[in-house]
PDB file of N, CA and C in Angstrom:
ATOM      1  N   MET A   1      89.846  52.328  90.031  1.00  0.00           N
ATOM      2  CA  MET A   1      89.485  53.727  89.912  1.00  0.00           C
ATOM      3  C   MET A   1      87.973  53.816  89.687  1.00  0.00           C
ATOM      4  N   SER A   2      87.371  54.669  90.479  1.00  0.00           N
ATOM      5  CA  SER A   2      85.924  54.760  90.427  1.00  0.00           C
ATOM      6  C   SER A   2      85.485  55.845  89.452  1.00  0.00           C
ATOM      7  N   GLY A   3      84.199  55.933  89.286  1.00  0.00           N
ATOM      8  CA  GLY A   3      83.643  56.951  88.410  1.00  0.00           C
ATOM      9  C   GLY A   3      83.809  58.347  88.977  1.00  0.00           C
ATOM     10  N   VAL A   4      83.876  58.445  90.310  1.00  0.00           N
ATOM     11  CA  VAL A   4      84.057  59.748  90.944  1.00  0.00           C
ATOM     12  C   VAL A   4      85.426  60.322  90.594  1.00  0.00           C
ATOM     13  N   PHE A   5      86.443  59.454  90.536  1.00  0.00           N
ATOM     14  CA  PHE A   5      87.782  59.913  90.174  1.00  0.00           C
ATOM     15  C   PHE A   5      87.784  60.516  88.775  1.00  0.00           C
ATOM     16  N   PHE A   6      87.181  59.801  87.823  1.00  0.00           N
ATOM     17  CA  PHE A   6      87.169  60.317  86.452  1.00  0.00           C
ATOM     18  C   PHE A   6      86.320  61.570  86.325  1.00  0.00           C
ATOM     19  N   HIS A   7      85.240  61.634  87.096  1.00  0.00           N
ATOM     20  CA  HIS A   7      84.424  62.842  87.067  1.00  0.00           C
ATOM     21  C   HIS A   7      85.224  64.034  87.568  1.00  0.00           C
ATOM     22  N   ARG A   8      85.921  63.880  88.678  1.00  0.00           N
ATOM     23  CA  ARG A   8      86.741  64.966  89.217  1.00  0.00           C
ATOM     24  C   ARG A   8      87.866  65.333  88.252  1.00  0.00           C
ATOM     25  N   LEU A   9      88.477  64.317  87.657  1.00  0.00           N
ATOM     26  CA  LEU A   9      89.561  64.561  86.710  1.00  0.00           C
ATOM     27  C   LEU A   9      89.077  65.392  85.530  1.00  0.00           C
ATOM     28  N   TRP A  10      87.972  65.005  84.913  1.00  0.00           N
ATOM     29  CA  TRP A  10      87.506  65.727  83.732  1.00  0.00           C
ATOM     30  C   TRP A  10      86.889  67.069  84.082  1.00  0.00           C
ATOM     31  N   MET A  11      86.349  67.199  85.280  1.00  0.00           N
ATOM     32  CA  MET A  11      85.876  68.523  85.703  1.00  0.00           C
ATOM     33  C   MET A  11      87.065  69.463  85.888  1.00  0.00           C
ATOM     34  N   THR A  12      88.166  68.976  86.429  1.00  0.00           N
ATOM     35  CA  THR A  12      89.375  69.791  86.573  1.00  0.00           C
ATOM     36  C   THR A  12      89.937  70.164  85.216  1.00  0.00           C
ATOM     37  N   VAL A  13      89.964  69.199  84.297  1.00  0.00           N
ATOM     38  CA  VAL A  13      90.458  69.480  82.946  1.00  0.00           C
ATOM     39  C   VAL A  13      89.556  70.507  82.268  1.00  0.00           C
ATOM     40  N   ALA A  14      88.249  70.387  82.434  1.00  0.00           N
ATOM     41  CA  ALA A  14      87.325  71.345  81.819  1.00  0.00           C
ATOM     42  C   ALA A  14      87.498  72.742  82.407  1.00  0.00           C
ATOM     43  N   ALA A  15      87.707  72.826  83.721  1.00  0.00           N
ATOM     44  CA  ALA A  15      87.920  74.131  84.348  1.00  0.00           C
ATOM     45  C   ALA A  15      89.223  74.761  83.857  1.00  0.00           C
ATOM     46  N   LEU A  16      90.271  73.968  83.728  1.00  0.00           N
ATOM     47  CA  LEU A  16      91.540  74.496  83.211  1.00  0.00           C
ATOM     48  C   LEU A  16      91.418  74.910  81.751  1.00  0.00           C
ATOM     49  N   ALA A  17      90.664  74.163  80.962  1.00  0.00           N
ATOM     50  CA  ALA A  17      90.457  74.534  79.566  1.00  0.00           C
ATOM     51  C   ALA A  17      89.667  75.838  79.460  1.00  0.00           C
ATOM     52  N   ALA A  18      88.663  76.010  80.314  1.00  0.00           N
ATOM     53  CA  ALA A  18      87.902  77.261  80.312  1.00  0.00           C
ATOM     54  C   ALA A  18      88.791  78.427  80.719  1.00  0.00           C
ATOM     55  N   LEU A  19      89.638  78.221  81.703  1.00  0.00           N
ATOM     56  CA  LEU A  19      90.568  79.266  82.119  1.00  0.00           C
ATOM     57  C   LEU A  19      91.546  79.608  80.999  1.00  0.00           C
ATOM     58  N   ALA A  20      92.031  78.595  80.280  1.00  0.00           N
ATOM     59  CA  ALA A  20      92.940  78.838  79.159  1.00  0.00           C
ATOM     60  C   ALA A  20      92.243  79.630  78.061  1.00  0.00           C
ATOM     61  N   CYS A  21      90.972  79.347  77.806  1.00  0.00           N
ATOM     62  CA  CYS A  21      90.223  80.104  76.787  1.00  0.00           C
ATOM     63  C   CYS A  21      90.053  81.559  77.203  1.00  0.00           C
ATOM     64  N   VAL A  22      89.779  81.802  78.458  1.00  0.00           N
ATOM     65  CA  VAL A  22      89.625  83.179  78.940  1.00  0.00           C
ATOM     66  C   VAL A  22      90.942  83.936  78.829  1.00  0.00           C
ATOM     67  N   VAL A  23      92.041  83.288  79.204  1.00  0.00           N
ATOM     68  CA  VAL A  23      93.351  83.938  79.109  1.00  0.00           C
ATOM     69  C   VAL A  23      93.703  84.217  77.656  1.00  0.00           C
ATOM     70  N   ALA A  24      93.402  83.287  76.755  1.00  0.00           N
ATOM     71  CA  ALA A  24      93.693  83.494  75.338  1.00  0.00           C
ATOM     72  C   ALA A  24      92.859  84.638  74.771  1.00  0.00           C
ATOM     73  N   ALA A  25      91.588  84.722  75.154  1.00  0.00           N
ATOM     74  CA  ALA A  25      90.741  85.821  74.674  1.00  0.00           C
ATOM     75  C   ALA A  25      91.231  87.156  75.214  1.00  0.00           C
ATOM     76  N   TRP A  26      91.668  87.183  76.462  1.00  0.00           N
ATOM     77  CA  TRP A  26      92.191  88.412  77.047  1.00  0.00           C
ATOM     78  C   TRP A  26      93.462  88.851  76.341  1.00  0.00           C
ATOM     79  N   ALA A  27      94.351  87.893  76.056  1.00  0.00           N
ATOM     80  CA  ALA A  27      95.597  88.221  75.361  1.00  0.00           C
ATOM     81  C   ALA A  27      95.307  88.723  73.945  1.00  0.00           C
ATOM     82  N   GLU A  28      94.356  88.128  73.272  1.00  0.00           N
ATOM     83  CA  GLU A  28      93.990  88.577  71.923  1.00  0.00           C
ATOM     84  C   GLU A  28      93.433  89.997  71.949  1.00  0.00           C
ATOM     85  N   GLU A  29      92.620  90.289  72.942  1.00  0.00           N
ATOM     86  CA  GLU A  29      92.074  91.651  73.065  1.00  0.00           C
ATOM     87  C   GLU A  29      93.192  92.667  73.297  1.00  0.00           C
ATOM     88  N   ARG A  30      94.155  92.300  74.119  1.00  0.00           N
ATOM     89  CA  ARG A  30      95.292  93.206  74.364  1.00  0.00           C
ATOM     90  C   ARG A  30      96.099  93.424  73.099  1.00  0.00           C
ATOM     91  N   ARG A  31      96.326  92.359  72.326  1.00  0.00           N
ATOM     92  CA  ARG A  31      97.071  92.504  71.076  1.00  0.00           C
ATOM     93  C   ARG A  31      96.327  93.390  70.083  1.00  0.00           C
ATOM     94  N   GLU A  32      95.011  93.201  69.979  1.00  0.00           N
ATOM     95  CA  GLU A  32      94.219  94.035  69.067  1.00  0.00           C
ATOM     96  C   GLU A  32      94.239  95.494  69.503  1.00  0.00           C
ATOM     97  N   CYS A  33      94.149  95.732  70.791  1.00  0.00           N
ATOM     98  CA  CYS A  33      94.180  97.103  71.304  1.00  0.00           C
ATOM     99  C   CYS A  33      95.521  97.752  71.002  1.00  0.00           C
ATOM    100  N   ALA A  34      96.599  97.023  71.208  1.00  0.00           N
ATOM    101  CA  ALA A  34      97.923  97.562  70.920  1.00  0.00           C
ATOM    102  C   ALA A  34      98.091  97.824  69.427  1.00  0.00           C
ATOM    103  N   ALA A  35      97.555  96.936  68.585  1.00  0.00           N
ATOM    104  CA  ALA A  35      97.655  97.141  67.140  1.00  0.00           C
ATOM    105  C   ALA A  35      96.859  98.368  66.706  1.00  0.00           C
ATOM    106  N   ARG A  36      95.673  98.566  67.285  1.00  0.00           N
ATOM    107  CA  ARG A  36      94.874  99.757  66.949  1.00  0.00           C
ATOM    108  C   ARG A  36      95.591 101.024  67.374  1.00  0.00           C
ATOM    109  N   THR A  37      96.227 100.970  68.543  1.00  0.00           N
ATOM    110  CA  THR A  37      96.959 102.145  69.028  1.00  0.00           C
ATOM    111  C   THR A  37      98.137 102.455  68.113  1.00  0.00           C
ATOM    112  N   ARG A  38      98.895 101.421  67.729  1.00  0.00           N
ATOM    113  CA  ARG A  38     100.037 101.641  66.831  1.00  0.00           C
ATOM    114  C   ARG A  38      99.572 102.135  65.466  1.00  0.00           C
ATOM    115  N   GLN A  39      98.497 101.560  64.955  1.00  0.00           N
ATOM    116  CA  GLN A  39      97.979 101.974  63.651  1.00  0.00           C
ATOM    117  C   GLN A  39      97.525 103.423  63.698  1.00  0.00           C
ATOM    118  N   GLY A  40      96.838 103.809  64.742  1.00  0.00           N
ATOM    119  CA  GLY A  40      96.395 105.188  64.868  1.00  0.00           C
ATOM    120  C   GLY A  40      97.560 106.152  64.978  1.00  0.00           C
ATOM    121  N   ALA A  41      98.601 105.737  65.693  1.00  0.00           N
ATOM    122  CA  ALA A  41      99.775 106.603  65.831  1.00  0.00           C
ATOM    123  C   ALA A  41     100.510 106.738  64.506  1.00  0.00           C
ATOM    124  N   LEU A  42     100.588 105.661  63.746  1.00  0.00           N
ATOM    125  CA  LEU A  42     101.287 105.724  62.465  1.00  0.00           C
ATOM    126  C   LEU A  42     100.512 106.518  61.414  1.00  0.00           C
ATOM    127  N   LEU A  43      99.216 106.313  61.365  1.00  0.00           N
ATOM    128  CA  LEU A  43      98.419 106.972  60.331  1.00  0.00           C
ATOM    129  C   LEU A  43      98.128 108.432  60.647  1.00  0.00           C
ATOM    130  N   ALA A  44      97.858 108.720  61.893  1.00  0.00           N
ATOM    131  CA  ALA A  44      97.478 110.085  62.251  1.00  0.00           C
ATOM    132  C   ALA A  44      98.663 110.905  62.743  1.00  0.00           C
ATOM    133  N   GLY A  45      99.736 110.254  63.072  1.00  0.00           N
ATOM    134  CA  GLY A  45     100.889 110.977  63.586  1.00  0.00           C
ATOM    135  C   GLY A  45     100.715 111.427  65.016  1.00  0.00           C
ATOM    136  N   GLU A  46      99.726 110.947  65.682  1.00  0.00           N
ATOM    137  CA  GLU A  46      99.487 111.294  67.083  1.00  0.00           C
ATOM    138  C   GLU A  46      99.045 110.054  67.822  1.00  0.00           C
ATOM    139  N   ARG A  47      99.166 110.105  69.095  1.00  0.00           N
ATOM    140  CA  ARG A  47      98.788 108.958  69.909  1.00  0.00           C
ATOM    141  C   ARG A  47      97.282 108.970  70.141  1.00  0.00           C
ATOM    142  N   THR A  48      96.675 107.855  69.845  1.00  0.00           N
ATOM    143  CA  THR A  48      95.242 107.715  70.072  1.00  0.00           C
ATOM    144  C   THR A  48      95.024 106.790  71.244  1.00  0.00           C
ATOM    145  N   GLY A  49      93.892 106.922  71.868  1.00  0.00           N
ATOM    146  CA  GLY A  49      93.569 106.068  73.004  1.00  0.00           C
ATOM    147  C   GLY A  49      93.368 104.637  72.562  1.00  0.00           C
ATOM    148  N   GLY A  50      93.683 103.714  73.425  1.00  0.00           N
ATOM    149  CA  GLY A  50      93.531 102.300  73.120  1.00  0.00           C
ATOM    150  C   GLY A  50      92.079 101.882  73.160  1.00  0.00           C
ATOM    151  N   ARG A  51      91.668 101.380  74.259  1.00  0.00           N
ATOM    152  CA  ARG A  51      90.283 100.931  74.377  1.00  0.00           C
ATOM    153  C   ARG A  51      89.470 101.974  75.134  1.00  0.00           C
ATOM    154  N   PRO A  52      88.193 102.018  74.903  1.00  0.00           N
ATOM    155  CA  PRO A  52      87.379 102.986  75.647  1.00  0.00           C
ATOM    156  C   PRO A  52      87.276 102.587  77.112  1.00  0.00           C
ATOM    157  N   ARG A  53      87.229 103.566  77.969  1.00  0.00           N
ATOM    158  CA  ARG A  53      87.135 103.322  79.401  1.00  0.00           C
ATOM    159  C   ARG A  53      85.711 102.920  79.762  1.00  0.00           C
ATOM    160  N   PRO A  54      85.562 102.038  80.745  1.00  0.00           N
ATOM    161  CA  PRO A  54      84.213 101.651  81.158  1.00  0.00           C
ATOM    162  C   PRO A  54      83.505 102.824  81.836  1.00  0.00           C
ATOM    163  N   LEU A  55      82.238 102.670  81.970  1.00  0.00           N
ATOM    164  CA  LEU A  55      81.450 103.723  82.608  1.00  0.00           C
ATOM    165  C   LEU A  55      81.945 103.958  84.027  1.00  0.00           C
ATOM    166  N   PRO A  56      82.151 105.216  84.422  1.00  0.00           N
ATOM    167  CA  PRO A  56      82.646 105.468  85.783  1.00  0.00           C
ATOM    168  C   PRO A  56      81.671 104.991  86.861  1.00  0.00           C
ATOM    169  N   GLU A  57      80.384 105.049  86.556  1.00  0.00           N
ATOM    170  CA  GLU A  57      79.404 104.584  87.544  1.00  0.00           C
ATOM    171  C   GLU A  57      79.538 103.083  87.772  1.00  0.00           C
ATOM    172  N   LEU A  58      79.788 102.346  86.684  1.00  0.00           N
ATOM    173  CA  LEU A  58      79.940 100.905  86.803  1.00  0.00           C
ATOM    174  C   LEU A  58      81.207 100.563  87.582  1.00  0.00           C
ATOM    175  N   ALA A  59      82.291 101.304  87.344  1.00  0.00           N
ATOM    176  CA  ALA A  59      83.528 101.069  88.078  1.00  0.00           C
ATOM    177  C   ALA A  59      83.346 101.371  89.561  1.00  0.00           C
ATOM    178  N   ALA A  60      82.642 102.448  89.869  1.00  0.00           N
ATOM    179  CA  ALA A  60      82.401 102.791  91.277  1.00  0.00           C
ATOM    180  C   ALA A  60      81.522 101.735  91.948  1.00  0.00           C
ATOM    181  N   LEU A  61      80.526 101.240  91.222  1.00  0.00           N
ATOM    182  CA  LEU A  61      79.655 100.203  91.771  1.00  0.00           C
ATOM    183  C   LEU A  61      80.440  98.918  92.026  1.00  0.00           C
ATOM    184  N   ALA A  62      81.303  98.544  91.084  1.00  0.00           N
ATOM    185  CA  ALA A  62      82.110  97.337  91.261  1.00  0.00           C
ATOM    186  C   ALA A  62      83.098  97.505  92.403  1.00  0.00           C
ATOM    187  N   ARG A  63      83.675  98.702  92.543  1.00  0.00           N
ATOM    188  CA  ARG A  63      84.624  98.948  93.621  1.00  0.00           C
ATOM    189  C   ARG A  63      83.923  98.882  94.983  1.00  0.00           C
ATOM    190  N   ARG A  64      82.685  99.337  95.015  1.00  0.00           N
ATOM    191  CA  ARG A  64      81.967  99.388  96.287  1.00  0.00           C
ATOM    192  C   ARG A  64      81.452  98.017  96.707  1.00  0.00           C
ATOM    193  N   TRP A  65      80.912  97.238  95.757  1.00  0.00           N
ATOM    194  CA  TRP A  65      80.259  95.988  96.105  1.00  0.00           C
ATOM    195  C   TRP A  65      81.055  94.746  95.734  1.00  0.00           C
ATOM    196  N   GLY A  66      82.172  94.899  95.030  1.00  0.00           N
ATOM    197  CA  GLY A  66      82.921  93.734  94.574  1.00  0.00           C
ATOM    198  C   GLY A  66      83.521  92.919  95.698  1.00  0.00           C
ATOM    199  N   GLN A  67      84.195  93.588  96.640  1.00  0.00           N
ATOM    200  CA  GLN A  67      84.837  92.856  97.728  1.00  0.00           C
ATOM    201  C   GLN A  67      83.838  92.189  98.671  1.00  0.00           C
ATOM    202  N   PRO A  68      82.784  92.877  99.123  1.00  0.00           N
ATOM    203  CA  PRO A  68      81.834  92.161  99.984  1.00  0.00           C
ATOM    204  C   PRO A  68      81.153  90.984  99.284  1.00  0.00           C
ATOM    205  N   THR A  69      80.879  91.128  97.999  1.00  0.00           N
ATOM    206  CA  THR A  69      80.273  90.021  97.266  1.00  0.00           C
ATOM    207  C   THR A  69      81.236  88.851  97.166  1.00  0.00           C
ATOM    208  N   ALA A  70      82.503  89.145  96.905  1.00  0.00           N
ATOM    209  CA  ALA A  70      83.499  88.079  96.823  1.00  0.00           C
ATOM    210  C   ALA A  70      83.701  87.392  98.175  1.00  0.00           C
ATOM    211  N   VAL A  71      83.674  88.156  99.259  1.00  0.00           N
ATOM    212  CA  VAL A  71      83.821  87.561 100.594  1.00  0.00           C
ATOM    213  C   VAL A  71      82.633  86.665 100.912  1.00  0.00           C
ATOM    214  N   CYS A  72      81.450  87.110 100.563  1.00  0.00           N
ATOM    215  CA  CYS A  72      80.251  86.291 100.798  1.00  0.00           C
ATOM    216  C   CYS A  72      80.317  85.002  99.976  1.00  0.00           C
ATOM    217  N   ALA A  73      80.725  85.102  98.710  1.00  0.00           N
ATOM    218  CA  ALA A  73      80.838  83.915  97.865  1.00  0.00           C
ATOM    219  C   ALA A  73      81.927  82.976  98.378  1.00  0.00           C
ATOM    220  N   ALA A  74      83.025  83.530  98.886  1.00  0.00           N
ATOM    221  CA  ALA A  74      84.098  82.689  99.418  1.00  0.00           C
ATOM    222  C   ALA A  74      83.630  81.934 100.661  1.00  0.00           C
ATOM    223  N   GLY A  75      82.873  82.599 101.528  1.00  0.00           N
ATOM    224  CA  GLY A  75      82.328  81.910 102.694  1.00  0.00           C
ATOM    225  C   GLY A  75      81.377  80.801 102.301  1.00  0.00           C
ATOM    226  N   TRP A  76      80.546  81.067 101.321  1.00  0.00           N
ATOM    227  CA  TRP A  76      79.603  80.053 100.842  1.00  0.00           C
ATOM    228  C   TRP A  76      80.352  78.892 100.214  1.00  0.00           C
ATOM    229  N   PHE A  77      81.422  79.181  99.484  1.00  0.00           N
ATOM    230  CA  PHE A  77      82.188  78.132  98.823  1.00  0.00           C
ATOM    231  C   PHE A  77      82.994  77.303  99.819  1.00  0.00           C
ATOM    232  N   LEU A  78      83.635  77.981 100.778  1.00  0.00           N
ATOM    233  CA  LEU A  78      84.513  77.256 101.693  1.00  0.00           C
ATOM    234  C   LEU A  78      83.746  76.466 102.750  1.00  0.00           C
ATOM    235  N   VAL A  79      82.694  77.046 103.304  1.00  0.00           N
ATOM    236  CA  VAL A  79      81.938  76.348 104.342  1.00  0.00           C
ATOM    237  C   VAL A  79      80.859  75.486 103.709  1.00  0.00           C
ATOM    238  N   GLY A  80      80.153  76.041 102.722  1.00  0.00           N
ATOM    239  CA  GLY A  80      79.156  75.279 101.990  1.00  0.00           C
ATOM    240  C   GLY A  80      77.756  75.424 102.546  1.00  0.00           C
ATOM    241  N   GLY A  81      76.804  75.449 101.633  1.00  0.00           N
ATOM    242  CA  GLY A  81      75.399  75.456 101.989  1.00  0.00           C
ATOM    243  C   GLY A  81      74.939  76.731 102.664  1.00  0.00           C
ATOM    244  N   VAL A  82      73.844  76.596 103.409  1.00  0.00           N
ATOM    245  CA  VAL A  82      73.254  77.737 104.107  1.00  0.00           C
ATOM    246  C   VAL A  82      74.185  78.263 105.208  1.00  0.00           C
ATOM    247  N   PRO A  83      74.845  77.397 105.984  1.00  0.00           N
ATOM    248  CA  PRO A  83      75.782  77.937 106.981  1.00  0.00           C
ATOM    249  C   PRO A  83      76.925  78.729 106.342  1.00  0.00           C
ATOM    250  N   GLY A  84      77.392  78.286 105.197  1.00  0.00           N
ATOM    251  CA  GLY A  84      78.438  79.016 104.500  1.00  0.00           C
ATOM    252  C   GLY A  84      77.959  80.361 104.001  1.00  0.00           C
ATOM    253  N   ALA A  85      76.716  80.403 103.507  1.00  0.00           N
ATOM    254  CA  ALA A  85      76.156  81.676 103.060  1.00  0.00           C
ATOM    255  C   ALA A  85      76.010  82.639 104.239  1.00  0.00           C
ATOM    256  N   CYS A  86      75.609  82.110 105.384  1.00  0.00           N
ATOM    257  CA  CYS A  86      75.497  82.962 106.572  1.00  0.00           C
ATOM    258  C   CYS A  86      76.876  83.435 107.039  1.00  0.00           C
ATOM    259  N   ALA A  87      77.866  82.541 107.028  1.00  0.00           N
ATOM    260  CA  ALA A  87      79.219  82.929 107.431  1.00  0.00           C
ATOM    261  C   ALA A  87      79.788  83.953 106.457  1.00  0.00           C
ATOM    262  N   GLY A  88      79.557  83.754 105.173  1.00  0.00           N
ATOM    263  CA  GLY A  88      80.027  84.707 104.175  1.00  0.00           C
ATOM    264  C   GLY A  88      79.348  86.056 104.306  1.00  0.00           C
ATOM    265  N   ALA A  89      78.040  86.034 104.583  1.00  0.00           N
ATOM    266  CA  ALA A  89      77.312  87.296 104.759  1.00  0.00           C
ATOM    267  C   ALA A  89      77.807  88.032 106.005  1.00  0.00           C
ATOM    268  N   ALA A  90      78.108  87.286 107.061  1.00  0.00           N
ATOM    269  CA  ALA A  90      78.632  87.926 108.273  1.00  0.00           C
ATOM    270  C   ALA A  90      80.017  88.520 108.013  1.00  0.00           C
ATOM    271  N   ALA A  91      80.850  87.795 107.280  1.00  0.00           N
ATOM    272  CA  ALA A  91      82.178  88.321 106.953  1.00  0.00           C
ATOM    273  C   ALA A  91      82.063  89.537 106.031  1.00  0.00           C
ATOM    274  N   ALA A  92      81.120  89.500 105.096  1.00  0.00           N
ATOM    275  CA  ALA A  92      80.920  90.641 104.198  1.00  0.00           C
ATOM    276  C   ALA A  92      80.424  91.857 104.974  1.00  0.00           C
ATOM    277  N   LEU A  93      79.557  91.633 105.956  1.00  0.00           N
ATOM    278  CA  LEU A  93      79.081  92.737 106.787  1.00  0.00           C
ATOM    279  C   LEU A  93      80.236  93.327 107.598  1.00  0.00           C
ATOM    280  N   GLY A  94      81.095  92.468 108.139  1.00  0.00           N
ATOM    281  CA  GLY A  94      82.263  92.956 108.868  1.00  0.00           C
ATOM    282  C   GLY A  94      83.200  93.745 107.971  1.00  0.00           C
ATOM    283  N   LEU A  95      83.417  93.280 106.753  1.00  0.00           N
ATOM    284  CA  LEU A  95      84.255  94.012 105.806  1.00  0.00           C
ATOM    285  C   LEU A  95      83.637  95.361 105.461  1.00  0.00           C
ATOM    286  N   TRP A  96      82.348  95.372 105.250  1.00  0.00           N
ATOM    287  CA  TRP A  96      81.652  96.624 104.900  1.00  0.00           C
ATOM    288  C   TRP A  96      81.771  97.641 106.041  1.00  0.00           C
ATOM    289  N   ARG A  97      81.576  97.170 107.288  1.00  0.00           N
ATOM    290  CA  ARG A  97      81.688  98.084 108.428  1.00  0.00           C
ATOM    291  C   ARG A  97      83.119  98.560 108.614  1.00  0.00           C
ATOM    292  N   TRP A  98      84.099  97.682 108.413  1.00  0.00           N
ATOM    293  CA  TRP A  98      85.497  98.059 108.556  1.00  0.00           C
ATOM    294  C   TRP A  98      85.887  99.091 107.505  1.00  0.00           C
ATOM    295  N   ARG A  99      85.450  98.892 106.267  1.00  0.00           N
ATOM    296  CA  ARG A  99      85.780  99.847 105.204  1.00  0.00           C
ATOM    297  C   ARG A  99      85.057 101.177 105.410  1.00  0.00           C
ATOM    298  N   ARG A 100      83.882 101.163 106.014  1.00  0.00           N
ATOM    299  CA  ARG A 100      83.125 102.397 106.241  1.00  0.00           C
ATOM    300  C   ARG A 100      83.778 103.250 107.320  1.00  0.00           C
ATOM    301  N   THR A 101      84.395 102.609 108.317  1.00  0.00           N
ATOM    302  CA  THR A 101      84.983 103.369 109.417  1.00  0.00           C
ATOM    303  C   THR A 101      86.405 103.831 109.125  1.00  0.00           C
ATOM    304  N   ARG A 102      87.047 103.268 108.109  1.00  0.00           N
ATOM    305  CA  ARG A 102      88.412 103.686 107.760  1.00  0.00           C
ATOM    306  C   ARG A 102      88.390 105.052 107.101  1.00  0.00           C
ATOM    307  N   PRO A 103      89.368 105.895 107.387  1.00  0.00           N
ATOM    308  CA  PRO A 103      89.444 107.173 106.674  1.00  0.00           C
ATOM    309  C   PRO A 103      89.894 106.944 105.230  1.00  0.00           C
ATOM    310  N   ALA A 104      89.584 107.904 104.393  1.00  0.00           N
ATOM    311  CA  ALA A 104      89.968 107.790 102.990  1.00  0.00           C
ATOM    312  C   ALA A 104      91.481 107.798 102.855  1.00  0.00           C
ATOM    313  N   ARG A 105      91.992 107.241 101.753  1.00  0.00           N
ATOM    314  CA  ARG A 105      93.429 107.134 101.558  1.00  0.00           C
ATOM    315  C   ARG A 105      94.118 108.481 101.514  1.00  0.00           C
ATOM    316  N   ASP A 106      93.488 109.466 100.888  1.00  0.00           N
ATOM    317  CA  ASP A 106      94.153 110.758 100.771  1.00  0.00           C
ATOM    318  C   ASP A 106      94.128 111.537 102.083  1.00  0.00           C
ATOM    319  N   GLN A 107      93.300 111.135 103.042  1.00  0.00           N
ATOM    320  CA  GLN A 107      93.257 111.810 104.322  1.00  0.00           C
ATOM    321  C   GLN A 107      94.274 111.241 105.305  1.00  0.00           C
ATOM    322  N   VAL A 108      94.753 110.029 105.047  1.00  0.00           N
ATOM    323  CA  VAL A 108      95.692 109.376 105.959  1.00  0.00           C
ATOM    324  C   VAL A 108      97.099 109.869 105.652  1.00  0.00           C
ATOM    325  N   GLY A 109      97.860 110.073 106.666  1.00  0.00           N
ATOM    326  CA  GLY A 109      99.256 110.425 106.459  1.00  0.00           C
ATOM    327  C   GLY A 109      99.459 111.917 106.411  1.00  0.00           C
ATOM    328  N   GLY A 110      99.334 112.499 105.245  1.00  0.00           N
ATOM    329  CA  GLY A 110      99.558 113.924 105.079  1.00  0.00           C
ATOM    330  C   GLY A 110     100.989 114.282 105.378  1.00  0.00           C
ATOM    331  N   GLN A 111     101.192 115.119 106.367  1.00  0.00           N
ATOM    332  CA  GLN A 111     102.529 115.577 106.728  1.00  0.00           C
ATOM    333  C   GLN A 111     103.348 114.456 107.363  1.00  0.00           C
ATOM    334  N   ALA A 112     102.699 113.506 108.011  1.00  0.00           N
ATOM    335  CA  ALA A 112     103.444 112.415 108.622  1.00  0.00           C
ATOM    336  C   ALA A 112     104.149 111.582 107.554  1.00  0.00           C
ATOM    337  N   VAL A 113     103.486 111.352 106.449  1.00  0.00           N
ATOM    338  CA  VAL A 113     104.102 110.601 105.355  1.00  0.00           C
ATOM    339  C   VAL A 113     105.250 111.408 104.769  1.00  0.00           C
ATOM    340  N   LEU A 114     105.049 112.694 104.592  1.00  0.00           N
ATOM    341  CA  LEU A 114     106.114 113.535 104.049  1.00  0.00           C
ATOM    342  C   LEU A 114     107.305 113.594 104.991  1.00  0.00           C
ATOM    343  N   GLY A 115     107.060 113.556 106.290  1.00  0.00           N
ATOM    344  CA  GLY A 115     108.152 113.593 107.248  1.00  0.00           C
ATOM    345  C   GLY A 115     108.982 112.321 107.254  1.00  0.00           C
ATOM    346  N   ARG A 116     108.360 111.184 106.926  1.00  0.00           N
ATOM    347  CA  ARG A 116     109.087 109.922 106.904  1.00  0.00           C
ATOM    348  C   ARG A 116     109.919 109.741 105.640  1.00  0.00           C
ATOM    349  N   GLN A 117     109.604 110.467 104.595  1.00  0.00           N
ATOM    350  CA  GLN A 117     110.342 110.303 103.352  1.00  0.00           C
ATOM    351  C   GLN A 117     111.711 110.973 103.476  1.00  0.00           C
ATOM    352  N   ARG A 118     112.692 110.304 102.951  1.00  0.00           N
ATOM    353  CA  ARG A 118     114.043 110.845 103.005  1.00  0.00           C
ATOM    354  C   ARG A 118     114.260 111.764 101.817  1.00  0.00           C
ATOM    355  N   ALA A 119     115.024 112.791 102.051  1.00  0.00           N
ATOM    356  CA  ALA A 119     115.403 113.670 100.951  1.00  0.00           C
ATOM    357  C   ALA A 119     116.520 112.998 100.161  1.00  0.00           C
ATOM    358  N   ILE A 120     116.429 113.090  98.847  1.00  0.00           N
ATOM    359  CA  ILE A 120     117.453 112.498  97.994  1.00  0.00           C
ATOM    360  C   ILE A 120     118.652 113.453  97.967  1.00  0.00           C
ATOM    361  N   PRO A 121     119.832 112.954  98.353  1.00  0.00           N
ATOM    362  CA  PRO A 121     120.994 113.847  98.355  1.00  0.00           C
ATOM    363  C   PRO A 121     121.389 114.207  96.915  1.00  0.00           C
ATOM    364  N   THR A 122     121.737 115.436  96.734  1.00  0.00           N
ATOM    365  CA  THR A 122     122.169 115.900  95.417  1.00  0.00           C
ATOM    366  C   THR A 122     123.680 116.055  95.417  1.00  0.00           C
ATOM    367  N   PRO A 123     124.332 115.824  94.304  1.00  0.00           N
ATOM    368  CA  PRO A 123     125.792 115.888  94.276  1.00  0.00           C
ATOM    369  C   PRO A 123     126.333 117.320  94.347  1.00  0.00           C
ATOM    370  N   TRP A 124     125.550 118.347  94.159  1.00  0.00           N
ATOM    371  CA  TRP A 124     126.068 119.723  94.216  1.00  0.00           C
ATOM    372  C   TRP A 124     125.603 120.454  95.409  1.00  0.00           C
TER     373      TRP A 124
END
């Protein structure tokens, strides 16, 4: 067994340990949020909000640029180097153009979607 094998092994173990730490921190945050919500409901007699919502501008920015950035990073990771960055950028540009030409979700369907839905039979 060479040194490369042990390096890959411990890098995999380190990546899994980092992932386990992130999952544990996320679970702890969820438990704390649920406890705060229950405590607020018990003490105030009303339901209080759990965690504060992120800034709407930040959510819109992440929604707009998150997928093209991830596609570019995936191309760079899968192909590697400068050619991978170029392939990822080309795929991100294609995704951006495809999403720009698609109609919005609420504009698609309309009456056609309503026509395809079946009416639920009532017993009376």
